[in-house]
Amino acid sequence: MIAGSQSQVLSLWEVDDAGTKDLMEIYYQGLKAGKGRHQALQDAQLKLLSNSTYQHPYYWASFVACGDWTPLHK
């Protein structure tokens, strides 16, 4: 925030690299589709939850959005 970032996605604990990659790909697809930043993260987390490989909260629950919740400006 001090450096001027409008929002961040934070991890509350150390996470799996492959799960994080998949979550972030879904998150950025949501942002690209015009979703708000918090909504895009929530949708990505729910999508991972519905995937049998990533159902355990270890893979998706550590991520929280902080800051501006609105869609990115194009």
N, C-alpha and C. Protein backbone atom coordinates (compact mmCIF):
# COMPACT_ATOMS: atom_id res chain seq x y z
N MET A 1 0.83 -1.19 0.00
CA MET A 1 0.00 0.00 0.00
C MET A 1 0.87 1.26 0.00
N ILE A 2 1.94 1.23 0.75
CA ILE A 2 2.81 2.40 0.83
C ILE A 2 3.43 2.70 -0.54
N ALA A 3 3.71 1.68 -1.32
CA ALA A 3 4.33 1.86 -2.63
C ALA A 3 3.33 2.28 -3.70
N GLY A 4 2.05 2.37 -3.34
CA GLY A 4 1.05 2.85 -4.28
C GLY A 4 0.17 1.78 -4.88
N SER A 5 0.29 0.57 -4.43
CA SER A 5 -0.56 -0.51 -4.94
C SER A 5 -2.00 -0.30 -4.46
N GLN A 6 -2.95 -0.42 -5.37
CA GLN A 6 -4.35 -0.24 -5.01
C GLN A 6 -4.90 -1.43 -4.25
N SER A 7 -4.40 -2.62 -4.54
CA SER A 7 -4.88 -3.84 -3.88
C SER A 7 -3.80 -4.90 -3.93
N GLN A 8 -3.94 -5.87 -3.04
CA GLN A 8 -2.99 -6.98 -2.98
C GLN A 8 -3.77 -8.26 -2.73
N VAL A 9 -3.17 -9.38 -3.13
CA VAL A 9 -3.65 -10.70 -2.73
C VAL A 9 -2.57 -11.24 -1.81
N LEU A 10 -2.96 -11.53 -0.58
CA LEU A 10 -2.02 -11.96 0.44
C LEU A 10 -2.23 -13.43 0.77
N SER A 11 -1.16 -14.08 1.15
CA SER A 11 -1.24 -15.46 1.61
C SER A 11 -0.96 -15.48 3.11
N LEU A 12 -1.81 -16.16 3.87
CA LEU A 12 -1.67 -16.20 5.31
C LEU A 12 -0.72 -17.30 5.78
N TRP A 13 -0.39 -18.24 4.89
CA TRP A 13 0.58 -19.28 5.21
C TRP A 13 1.24 -19.76 3.93
N GLU A 14 2.32 -20.51 4.08
CA GLU A 14 3.03 -21.05 2.92
C GLU A 14 2.10 -21.98 2.15
N VAL A 15 2.10 -21.84 0.83
CA VAL A 15 1.14 -22.57 0.00
C VAL A 15 1.84 -23.37 -1.08
N ASP A 16 1.09 -24.29 -1.66
CA ASP A 16 1.56 -25.15 -2.74
C ASP A 16 1.75 -24.33 -4.02
N ASP A 17 2.87 -24.51 -4.70
CA ASP A 17 3.15 -23.75 -5.93
C ASP A 17 2.17 -24.05 -7.05
N ALA A 18 1.88 -25.33 -7.29
CA ALA A 18 0.98 -25.69 -8.39
C ALA A 18 -0.44 -25.18 -8.12
N GLY A 19 -0.90 -25.32 -6.89
CA GLY A 19 -2.23 -24.81 -6.54
C GLY A 19 -2.31 -23.31 -6.67
N THR A 20 -1.26 -22.62 -6.26
CA THR A 20 -1.22 -21.16 -6.38
C THR A 20 -1.23 -20.73 -7.84
N LYS A 21 -0.47 -21.43 -8.66
CA LYS A 21 -0.45 -21.10 -10.09
C LYS A 21 -1.85 -21.23 -10.68
N ASP A 22 -2.52 -22.33 -10.37
CA ASP A 22 -3.87 -22.54 -10.91
C ASP A 22 -4.85 -21.50 -10.39
N LEU A 23 -4.77 -21.19 -9.10
CA LEU A 23 -5.65 -20.18 -8.52
C LEU A 23 -5.42 -18.83 -9.18
N MET A 24 -4.17 -18.45 -9.36
CA MET A 24 -3.87 -17.14 -9.94
C MET A 24 -4.28 -17.05 -11.41
N GLU A 25 -4.15 -18.13 -12.13
CA GLU A 25 -4.63 -18.12 -13.53
C GLU A 25 -6.13 -17.85 -13.58
N ILE A 26 -6.89 -18.52 -12.71
CA ILE A 26 -8.34 -18.32 -12.66
C ILE A 26 -8.65 -16.90 -12.18
N TYR A 27 -7.91 -16.43 -11.19
CA TYR A 27 -8.10 -15.07 -10.65
C TYR A 27 -7.90 -14.03 -11.75
N TYR A 28 -6.82 -14.13 -12.50
CA TYR A 28 -6.54 -13.14 -13.54
C TYR A 28 -7.53 -13.25 -14.70
N GLN A 29 -8.04 -14.44 -14.97
CA GLN A 29 -9.10 -14.57 -15.98
C GLN A 29 -10.34 -13.80 -15.53
N GLY A 30 -10.66 -13.91 -14.23
CA GLY A 30 -11.80 -13.17 -13.70
C GLY A 30 -11.60 -11.67 -13.78
N LEU A 31 -10.39 -11.21 -13.46
CA LEU A 31 -10.10 -9.78 -13.58
C LEU A 31 -10.23 -9.32 -15.03
N LYS A 32 -9.71 -10.13 -15.93
CA LYS A 32 -9.77 -9.79 -17.36
C LYS A 32 -11.22 -9.73 -17.86
N ALA A 33 -12.08 -10.55 -17.24
CA ALA A 33 -13.50 -10.58 -17.62
C ALA A 33 -14.28 -9.42 -17.01
N GLY A 34 -13.62 -8.59 -16.17
CA GLY A 34 -14.27 -7.41 -15.62
C GLY A 34 -14.81 -7.58 -14.21
N LYS A 35 -14.51 -8.68 -13.56
CA LYS A 35 -14.98 -8.88 -12.19
C LYS A 35 -14.19 -7.98 -11.25
N GLY A 36 -14.81 -7.66 -10.13
CA GLY A 36 -14.10 -6.94 -9.08
C GLY A 36 -13.00 -7.81 -8.51
N ARG A 37 -12.02 -7.19 -7.89
CA ARG A 37 -10.84 -7.92 -7.42
C ARG A 37 -11.18 -8.95 -6.35
N HIS A 38 -12.03 -8.59 -5.40
CA HIS A 38 -12.41 -9.54 -4.37
C HIS A 38 -13.29 -10.65 -4.94
N GLN A 39 -14.20 -10.30 -5.84
CA GLN A 39 -15.09 -11.29 -6.45
C GLN A 39 -14.29 -12.27 -7.30
N ALA A 40 -13.32 -11.78 -8.04
CA ALA A 40 -12.48 -12.66 -8.87
C ALA A 40 -11.73 -13.66 -7.99
N LEU A 41 -11.24 -13.21 -6.84
CA LEU A 41 -10.54 -14.13 -5.94
C LEU A 41 -11.50 -15.15 -5.34
N GLN A 42 -12.66 -14.70 -4.89
CA GLN A 42 -13.62 -15.64 -4.33
C GLN A 42 -14.04 -16.69 -5.36
N ASP A 43 -14.30 -16.26 -6.58
CA ASP A 43 -14.68 -17.20 -7.63
C ASP A 43 -13.56 -18.21 -7.92
N ALA A 44 -12.32 -17.73 -7.91
CA ALA A 44 -11.17 -18.63 -8.13
C ALA A 44 -11.08 -19.65 -6.99
N GLN A 45 -11.28 -19.19 -5.77
CA GLN A 45 -11.23 -20.11 -4.63
C GLN A 45 -12.34 -21.16 -4.72
N LEU A 46 -13.53 -20.74 -5.09
CA LEU A 46 -14.63 -21.70 -5.22
C LEU A 46 -14.38 -22.70 -6.34
N LYS A 47 -13.74 -22.24 -7.40
CA LYS A 47 -13.42 -23.16 -8.49
C LYS A 47 -12.39 -24.19 -8.04
N LEU A 48 -11.40 -23.78 -7.28
CA LEU A 48 -10.43 -24.74 -6.75
C LEU A 48 -11.10 -25.70 -5.77
N LEU A 49 -12.03 -25.20 -4.97
CA LEU A 49 -12.75 -26.04 -4.03
C LEU A 49 -13.53 -27.14 -4.75
N SER A 50 -14.03 -26.84 -5.94
CA SER A 50 -14.80 -27.83 -6.69
C SER A 50 -13.90 -28.82 -7.44
N ASN A 51 -12.59 -28.60 -7.44
CA ASN A 51 -11.63 -29.49 -8.09
C ASN A 51 -11.14 -30.51 -7.07
N SER A 52 -11.29 -31.79 -7.36
CA SER A 52 -10.93 -32.83 -6.37
C SER A 52 -9.46 -32.77 -5.97
N THR A 53 -8.60 -32.28 -6.82
CA THR A 53 -7.18 -32.16 -6.49
C THR A 53 -6.94 -31.09 -5.43
N TYR A 54 -7.72 -30.03 -5.46
CA TYR A 54 -7.47 -28.87 -4.61
C TYR A 54 -8.59 -28.61 -3.60
N GLN A 55 -9.39 -29.59 -3.23
CA GLN A 55 -10.50 -29.35 -2.32
C GLN A 55 -10.06 -28.96 -0.91
N HIS A 56 -8.92 -29.44 -0.48
CA HIS A 56 -8.48 -29.14 0.89
C HIS A 56 -8.19 -27.64 1.01
N PRO A 57 -8.62 -27.02 2.12
CA PRO A 57 -8.41 -25.58 2.29
C PRO A 57 -6.95 -25.14 2.21
N TYR A 58 -6.02 -26.05 2.41
CA TYR A 58 -4.59 -25.72 2.30
C TYR A 58 -4.29 -25.04 0.97
N TYR A 59 -4.97 -25.45 -0.09
CA TYR A 59 -4.65 -24.95 -1.43
C TYR A 59 -5.26 -23.59 -1.75
N TRP A 60 -6.37 -23.24 -1.12
CA TRP A 60 -7.06 -22.02 -1.55
C TRP A 60 -7.44 -21.06 -0.43
N ALA A 61 -7.53 -21.54 0.81
CA ALA A 61 -8.07 -20.71 1.88
C ALA A 61 -7.09 -19.68 2.44
N SER A 62 -5.82 -19.82 2.13
CA SER A 62 -4.85 -18.89 2.70
C SER A 62 -4.88 -17.52 2.04
N PHE A 63 -5.53 -17.40 0.89
CA PHE A 63 -5.49 -16.16 0.13
C PHE A 63 -6.60 -15.20 0.54
N VAL A 64 -6.23 -13.96 0.76
CA VAL A 64 -7.18 -12.90 1.08
C VAL A 64 -6.87 -11.68 0.22
N ALA A 65 -7.91 -10.99 -0.17
CA ALA A 65 -7.75 -9.76 -0.94
C ALA A 65 -7.77 -8.58 0.02
N CYS A 66 -6.93 -7.62 -0.24
CA CYS A 66 -6.83 -6.44 0.61
C CYS A 66 -6.79 -5.21 -0.29
N GLY A 67 -7.54 -4.19 0.09
CA GLY A 67 -7.51 -2.95 -0.67
C GLY A 67 -8.74 -2.77 -1.55
N ASP A 68 -8.55 -2.09 -2.64
CA ASP A 68 -9.62 -1.72 -3.57
C ASP A 68 -10.29 -2.97 -4.12
N TRP A 69 -11.61 -3.04 -4.02
CA TRP A 69 -12.35 -4.22 -4.45
C TRP A 69 -12.93 -4.07 -5.85
N THR A 70 -12.84 -2.90 -6.45
CA THR A 70 -13.49 -2.64 -7.73
C THR A 70 -12.74 -3.32 -8.88
N PRO A 71 -13.41 -3.47 -10.03
CA PRO A 71 -12.72 -4.02 -11.21
C PRO A 71 -11.54 -3.14 -11.61
N LEU A 72 -10.58 -3.75 -12.28
CA LEU A 72 -9.45 -2.99 -12.80
C LEU A 72 -9.91 -2.09 -13.92
N HIS A 73 -9.30 -0.94 -14.04
CA HIS A 73 -9.63 -0.02 -15.14
C HIS A 73 -8.84 -0.42 -16.36
N LYS A 74 -9.47 -0.39 -17.50
CA LYS A 74 -8.80 -0.77 -18.75
C LYS A 74 -8.21 0.42 -19.44
